[in-house]
Amino acid sequence: MLDYVANEIQPDMFFWTGDNSAHNVWDNTAEEVTEYTITITEEINRFFAGHNITVMPAMGNHDVWPVDIQSFAKPYANYPINHIKDAWADWLTPEAVEEFHKYGYYSMPITLKNGK
């Protein structure tokens, strides 16, 4: 699919909305759901290498563990987010990476790689 997107569709921007882990939610672990997201991040990078595609990633409700539970009470408290942030650093501004690292969300101006 990613090869088709990169080579046939050739979008300016790719919105990736998460939900990467298997949905056997009570059998998963924090490490497992994190590894799913990092693996897919690596695949997106591999297939989009050499293409001018801006990637805008977002966490899905199954990308944290326990599922649907993401604490916003204390910064840096979520295991998956603490480990995914570095994988997404090439796609986000340094300020957005830091904001994402704290709570799992970010905002930033959209800049297309192709200059359009």
N, C-alpha and C. Protein backbone atom coordinates (compact mmCIF):
# COMPACT_ATOMS: atom_id res chain seq x y z
N MET A 1 0.81 -1.18 0.00
CA MET A 1 0.00 0.00 0.00
C MET A 1 0.87 1.26 0.00
N LEU A 2 1.88 1.28 0.84
CA LEU A 2 2.73 2.47 0.92
C LEU A 2 3.50 2.69 -0.37
N ASP A 3 3.91 1.62 -1.04
CA ASP A 3 4.56 1.75 -2.33
C ASP A 3 3.60 2.37 -3.35
N TYR A 4 2.36 1.92 -3.35
CA TYR A 4 1.35 2.46 -4.26
C TYR A 4 1.10 3.95 -3.97
N VAL A 5 0.98 4.28 -2.70
CA VAL A 5 0.77 5.68 -2.33
C VAL A 5 1.94 6.54 -2.81
N ALA A 6 3.15 6.10 -2.53
CA ALA A 6 4.34 6.90 -2.88
C ALA A 6 4.55 7.02 -4.38
N ASN A 7 4.32 5.95 -5.12
CA ASN A 7 4.68 5.94 -6.53
C ASN A 7 3.53 6.18 -7.50
N GLU A 8 2.32 5.90 -7.09
CA GLU A 8 1.17 6.07 -7.99
C GLU A 8 0.34 7.31 -7.62
N ILE A 9 0.00 7.41 -6.36
CA ILE A 9 -0.81 8.56 -5.92
C ILE A 9 0.06 9.80 -5.81
N GLN A 10 1.25 9.66 -5.26
CA GLN A 10 2.21 10.75 -5.09
C GLN A 10 1.59 11.98 -4.40
N PRO A 11 1.07 11.79 -3.19
CA PRO A 11 0.44 12.93 -2.51
C PRO A 11 1.47 13.94 -2.02
N ASP A 12 1.01 15.15 -1.78
CA ASP A 12 1.86 16.16 -1.15
C ASP A 12 1.97 15.88 0.35
N MET A 13 0.88 15.32 0.90
CA MET A 13 0.82 15.12 2.35
C MET A 13 0.14 13.79 2.65
N PHE A 14 0.61 13.16 3.71
CA PHE A 14 0.08 11.88 4.16
C PHE A 14 -0.32 12.03 5.62
N PHE A 15 -1.61 11.97 5.92
CA PHE A 15 -2.10 12.02 7.30
C PHE A 15 -2.20 10.59 7.81
N TRP A 16 -1.44 10.30 8.84
CA TRP A 16 -1.43 8.96 9.42
C TRP A 16 -2.10 9.05 10.79
N THR A 17 -3.25 8.40 10.93
CA THR A 17 -4.08 8.58 12.12
C THR A 17 -3.99 7.44 13.13
N GLY A 18 -2.97 6.64 13.05
CA GLY A 18 -2.71 5.67 14.10
C GLY A 18 -3.60 4.46 14.11
N ASP A 19 -3.82 3.93 15.31
CA ASP A 19 -4.49 2.64 15.54
C ASP A 19 -3.68 1.53 14.90
N ASN A 20 -2.42 1.44 15.27
CA ASN A 20 -1.48 0.52 14.65
C ASN A 20 -1.45 -0.86 15.27
N SER A 21 -1.79 -0.98 16.52
CA SER A 21 -1.63 -2.26 17.20
C SER A 21 -2.82 -3.18 16.92
N ALA A 22 -2.57 -4.46 17.16
CA ALA A 22 -3.65 -5.44 17.08
C ALA A 22 -4.72 -5.06 18.10
N HIS A 23 -5.95 -5.39 17.77
CA HIS A 23 -7.05 -4.98 18.64
C HIS A 23 -7.46 -6.07 19.64
N ASN A 24 -6.51 -6.90 20.03
CA ASN A 24 -6.72 -7.83 21.14
C ASN A 24 -6.26 -7.11 22.40
N VAL A 25 -6.96 -6.06 22.73
CA VAL A 25 -6.47 -4.99 23.59
C VAL A 25 -6.02 -5.41 24.99
N TRP A 26 -6.57 -6.44 25.55
CA TRP A 26 -6.17 -6.80 26.92
C TRP A 26 -5.03 -7.80 26.91
N ASP A 27 -4.63 -8.25 25.71
CA ASP A 27 -3.47 -9.12 25.60
C ASP A 27 -2.21 -8.35 25.23
N ASN A 28 -2.36 -7.08 24.86
CA ASN A 28 -1.23 -6.25 24.47
C ASN A 28 -0.46 -5.76 25.70
N THR A 29 0.72 -5.21 25.44
CA THR A 29 1.49 -4.55 26.49
C THR A 29 1.88 -3.16 25.97
N ALA A 30 2.34 -2.32 26.84
CA ALA A 30 2.79 -0.99 26.43
C ALA A 30 3.94 -1.11 25.44
N GLU A 31 4.84 -2.04 25.70
CA GLU A 31 5.98 -2.24 24.80
C GLU A 31 5.52 -2.71 23.42
N GLU A 32 4.54 -3.59 23.40
CA GLU A 32 4.03 -4.13 22.13
C GLU A 32 3.36 -3.05 21.28
N VAL A 33 2.48 -2.25 21.87
CA VAL A 33 1.81 -1.22 21.07
C VAL A 33 2.80 -0.16 20.60
N THR A 34 3.83 0.09 21.40
CA THR A 34 4.89 1.02 21.00
C THR A 34 5.66 0.47 19.81
N GLU A 35 6.01 -0.80 19.87
CA GLU A 35 6.77 -1.42 18.79
C GLU A 35 5.97 -1.43 17.47
N TYR A 36 4.66 -1.63 17.53
CA TYR A 36 3.83 -1.55 16.33
C TYR A 36 3.99 -0.19 15.66
N THR A 37 3.87 0.86 16.44
CA THR A 37 3.94 2.21 15.88
C THR A 37 5.34 2.51 15.34
N ILE A 38 6.36 2.11 16.04
CA ILE A 38 7.72 2.35 15.57
C ILE A 38 7.99 1.56 14.29
N THR A 39 7.51 0.34 14.21
CA THR A 39 7.69 -0.48 13.00
C THR A 39 7.00 0.17 11.80
N ILE A 40 5.78 0.64 11.98
CA ILE A 40 5.07 1.28 10.88
C ILE A 40 5.73 2.61 10.51
N THR A 41 6.25 3.33 11.49
CA THR A 41 7.01 4.55 11.22
C THR A 41 8.19 4.24 10.31
N GLU A 42 8.92 3.18 10.63
CA GLU A 42 10.07 2.78 9.81
C GLU A 42 9.64 2.41 8.39
N GLU A 43 8.50 1.74 8.26
CA GLU A 43 8.00 1.36 6.93
C GLU A 43 7.59 2.59 6.12
N ILE A 44 6.92 3.54 6.75
CA ILE A 44 6.56 4.78 6.05
C ILE A 44 7.83 5.48 5.59
N ASN A 45 8.81 5.59 6.45
CA ASN A 45 10.07 6.22 6.07
C ASN A 45 10.74 5.48 4.91
N ARG A 46 10.71 4.18 4.94
CA ARG A 46 11.35 3.37 3.89
C ARG A 46 10.66 3.58 2.54
N PHE A 47 9.35 3.53 2.50
CA PHE A 47 8.62 3.65 1.24
C PHE A 47 8.56 5.09 0.72
N PHE A 48 8.60 6.05 1.63
CA PHE A 48 8.49 7.45 1.20
C PHE A 48 9.86 8.10 0.98
N ALA A 49 10.94 7.38 1.26
CA ALA A 49 12.29 7.93 1.05
C ALA A 49 12.45 8.35 -0.41
N GLY A 50 12.96 9.55 -0.61
CA GLY A 50 13.17 10.05 -1.96
C GLY A 50 11.93 10.69 -2.58
N HIS A 51 10.82 10.70 -1.85
CA HIS A 51 9.60 11.34 -2.32
C HIS A 51 9.36 12.59 -1.47
N ASN A 52 8.75 13.58 -2.04
CA ASN A 52 8.45 14.81 -1.31
C ASN A 52 7.07 14.72 -0.68
N ILE A 53 6.93 13.82 0.28
CA ILE A 53 5.66 13.62 0.95
C ILE A 53 5.79 14.05 2.40
N THR A 54 5.02 15.02 2.80
CA THR A 54 4.98 15.47 4.19
C THR A 54 4.11 14.50 4.98
N VAL A 55 4.63 13.98 6.08
CA VAL A 55 3.88 13.04 6.92
C VAL A 55 3.43 13.75 8.18
N MET A 56 2.14 13.65 8.47
CA MET A 56 1.56 14.22 9.69
C MET A 56 1.00 13.06 10.51
N PRO A 57 1.74 12.59 11.52
CA PRO A 57 1.29 11.45 12.32
C PRO A 57 0.43 11.87 13.51
N ALA A 58 -0.44 10.95 13.92
CA ALA A 58 -1.24 11.15 15.13
C ALA A 58 -1.43 9.81 15.82
N MET A 59 -1.55 9.85 17.11
CA MET A 59 -1.79 8.63 17.89
C MET A 59 -3.26 8.24 17.78
N GLY A 60 -3.51 6.94 17.67
CA GLY A 60 -4.87 6.42 17.74
C GLY A 60 -5.16 5.94 19.14
N ASN A 61 -6.41 5.64 19.41
CA ASN A 61 -6.78 5.20 20.77
C ASN A 61 -6.22 3.83 21.12
N HIS A 62 -5.77 3.05 20.13
CA HIS A 62 -5.16 1.75 20.40
C HIS A 62 -3.63 1.82 20.40
N ASP A 63 -3.07 3.00 20.37
CA ASP A 63 -1.62 3.17 20.35
C ASP A 63 -1.06 3.49 21.72
N VAL A 64 -1.88 3.38 22.73
CA VAL A 64 -1.45 3.52 24.13
C VAL A 64 -1.95 2.28 24.87
N TRP A 65 -1.38 2.05 26.03
CA TRP A 65 -1.82 0.90 26.81
C TRP A 65 -1.89 1.30 28.27
N PRO A 66 -2.97 0.94 28.95
CA PRO A 66 -4.16 0.25 28.46
C PRO A 66 -4.85 1.05 27.36
N VAL A 67 -5.55 0.34 26.50
CA VAL A 67 -6.22 0.95 25.38
C VAL A 67 -7.17 2.05 25.86
N ASP A 68 -7.26 3.11 25.08
CA ASP A 68 -8.15 4.25 25.35
C ASP A 68 -7.76 5.07 26.57
N ILE A 69 -6.63 4.77 27.19
CA ILE A 69 -6.25 5.50 28.40
C ILE A 69 -4.93 6.21 28.16
N GLN A 70 -5.00 7.51 28.14
CA GLN A 70 -3.81 8.32 28.00
C GLN A 70 -3.91 9.43 29.02
N SER A 71 -3.01 9.43 29.95
CA SER A 71 -3.07 10.41 31.02
C SER A 71 -2.53 11.76 30.54
N PHE A 72 -3.31 12.80 30.80
CA PHE A 72 -2.88 14.16 30.53
C PHE A 72 -2.57 14.89 31.84
N ALA A 73 -2.60 14.17 32.95
CA ALA A 73 -2.42 14.78 34.26
C ALA A 73 -0.97 15.16 34.55
N LYS A 74 -0.03 14.40 33.96
CA LYS A 74 1.37 14.62 34.27
C LYS A 74 2.17 14.47 32.99
N PRO A 75 3.01 15.44 32.65
CA PRO A 75 3.80 15.31 31.42
C PRO A 75 4.79 14.15 31.49
N TYR A 76 5.09 13.61 30.34
CA TYR A 76 6.09 12.55 30.17
C TYR A 76 5.70 11.23 30.85
N ALA A 77 4.41 11.01 31.10
CA ALA A 77 3.98 9.86 31.89
C ALA A 77 3.57 8.65 31.04
N ASN A 78 3.53 8.77 29.72
CA ASN A 78 3.02 7.69 28.90
C ASN A 78 4.15 6.95 28.19
N TYR A 79 4.30 5.66 28.46
CA TYR A 79 5.39 4.86 27.91
C TYR A 79 5.46 4.92 26.39
N PRO A 80 4.38 4.61 25.65
CA PRO A 80 4.49 4.66 24.19
C PRO A 80 4.93 6.02 23.65
N ILE A 81 4.37 7.07 24.16
CA ILE A 81 4.71 8.41 23.68
C ILE A 81 6.18 8.72 23.94
N ASN A 82 6.68 8.33 25.11
CA ASN A 82 8.08 8.57 25.44
C ASN A 82 9.03 7.90 24.45
N HIS A 83 8.60 6.80 23.85
CA HIS A 83 9.45 6.05 22.94
C HIS A 83 9.17 6.33 21.46
N ILE A 84 7.99 6.80 21.15
CA ILE A 84 7.62 7.10 19.76
C ILE A 84 8.14 8.46 19.33
N LYS A 85 8.28 9.38 20.24
CA LYS A 85 8.65 10.76 19.90
C LYS A 85 9.91 10.84 19.05
N ASP A 86 10.91 10.06 19.37
CA ASP A 86 12.16 10.10 18.60
C ASP A 86 11.96 9.58 17.18
N ALA A 87 11.10 8.59 17.02
CA ALA A 87 10.84 8.04 15.69
C ALA A 87 10.14 9.06 14.80
N TRP A 88 9.38 9.96 15.39
CA TRP A 88 8.64 10.97 14.63
C TRP A 88 9.40 12.29 14.49
N ALA A 89 10.60 12.38 15.05
CA ALA A 89 11.34 13.65 15.09
C ALA A 89 11.65 14.20 13.70
N ASP A 90 11.81 13.36 12.70
CA ASP A 90 12.08 13.86 11.34
C ASP A 90 10.85 14.50 10.71
N TRP A 91 9.69 14.19 11.21
CA TRP A 91 8.44 14.71 10.64
C TRP A 91 7.94 15.96 11.35
N LEU A 92 8.33 16.14 12.60
CA LEU A 92 7.81 17.24 13.42
C LEU A 92 8.90 18.27 13.69
N THR A 93 8.49 19.48 13.99
CA THR A 93 9.45 20.49 14.42
C THR A 93 9.95 20.13 15.82
N PRO A 94 11.11 20.64 16.23
CA PRO A 94 11.59 20.35 17.59
C PRO A 94 10.57 20.74 18.67
N GLU A 95 9.88 21.85 18.46
CA GLU A 95 8.87 22.29 19.43
C GLU A 95 7.69 21.31 19.47
N ALA A 96 7.29 20.81 18.31
CA ALA A 96 6.18 19.84 18.25
C ALA A 96 6.58 18.52 18.89
N VAL A 97 7.84 18.10 18.69
CA VAL A 97 8.32 16.87 19.33
C VAL A 97 8.25 17.00 20.84
N GLU A 98 8.68 18.13 21.36
CA GLU A 98 8.64 18.34 22.81
C GLU A 98 7.20 18.37 23.33
N GLU A 99 6.31 19.03 22.60
CA GLU A 99 4.90 19.07 23.01
C GLU A 99 4.30 17.67 22.96
N PHE A 100 4.59 16.93 21.90
CA PHE A 100 4.11 15.55 21.78
C PHE A 100 4.66 14.69 22.92
N HIS A 101 5.93 14.86 23.24
CA HIS A 101 6.57 14.08 24.30
C HIS A 101 5.87 14.28 25.64
N LYS A 102 5.43 15.47 25.90
CA LYS A 102 4.78 15.76 27.18
C LYS A 102 3.45 15.02 27.32
N TYR A 103 2.57 15.12 26.31
CA TYR A 103 1.20 14.65 26.48
C TYR A 103 0.64 13.81 25.33
N GLY A 104 1.34 13.74 24.20
CA GLY A 104 0.84 12.91 23.10
C GLY A 104 0.10 13.67 22.02
N TYR A 105 0.15 14.98 22.08
CA TYR A 105 -0.44 15.80 21.01
C TYR A 105 0.56 16.89 20.66
N TYR A 106 0.34 17.51 19.52
CA TYR A 106 1.23 18.59 19.10
C TYR A 106 0.48 19.50 18.15
N SER A 107 1.04 20.66 17.94
CA SER A 107 0.56 21.56 16.88
C SER A 107 1.80 22.17 16.24
N MET A 108 1.67 22.44 14.96
CA MET A 108 2.78 23.07 14.25
C MET A 108 2.28 23.54 12.90
N PRO A 109 2.94 24.53 12.33
CA PRO A 109 2.57 24.94 10.97
C PRO A 109 2.87 23.80 9.99
N ILE A 110 2.04 23.65 9.00
CA ILE A 110 2.26 22.64 7.99
C ILE A 110 3.14 23.22 6.88
N THR A 111 4.24 22.57 6.65
CA THR A 111 5.16 22.95 5.59
C THR A 111 5.33 21.75 4.67
N LEU A 112 4.96 21.90 3.41
CA LEU A 112 5.11 20.80 2.47
C LEU A 112 6.54 20.66 2.03
N LYS A 113 7.00 19.42 1.88
CA LYS A 113 8.36 19.17 1.44
C LYS A 113 8.60 19.59 0.00
N ASN A 114 7.54 19.58 -0.80
CA ASN A 114 7.70 19.89 -2.20
C ASN A 114 7.68 21.39 -2.49
N GLY A 115 7.53 22.20 -1.45
CA GLY A 115 7.58 23.64 -1.61
C GLY A 115 6.30 24.28 -2.13
N LYS A 116 5.26 23.50 -2.33
CA LYS A 116 3.98 24.06 -2.82
C LYS A 116 3.26 24.79 -1.73
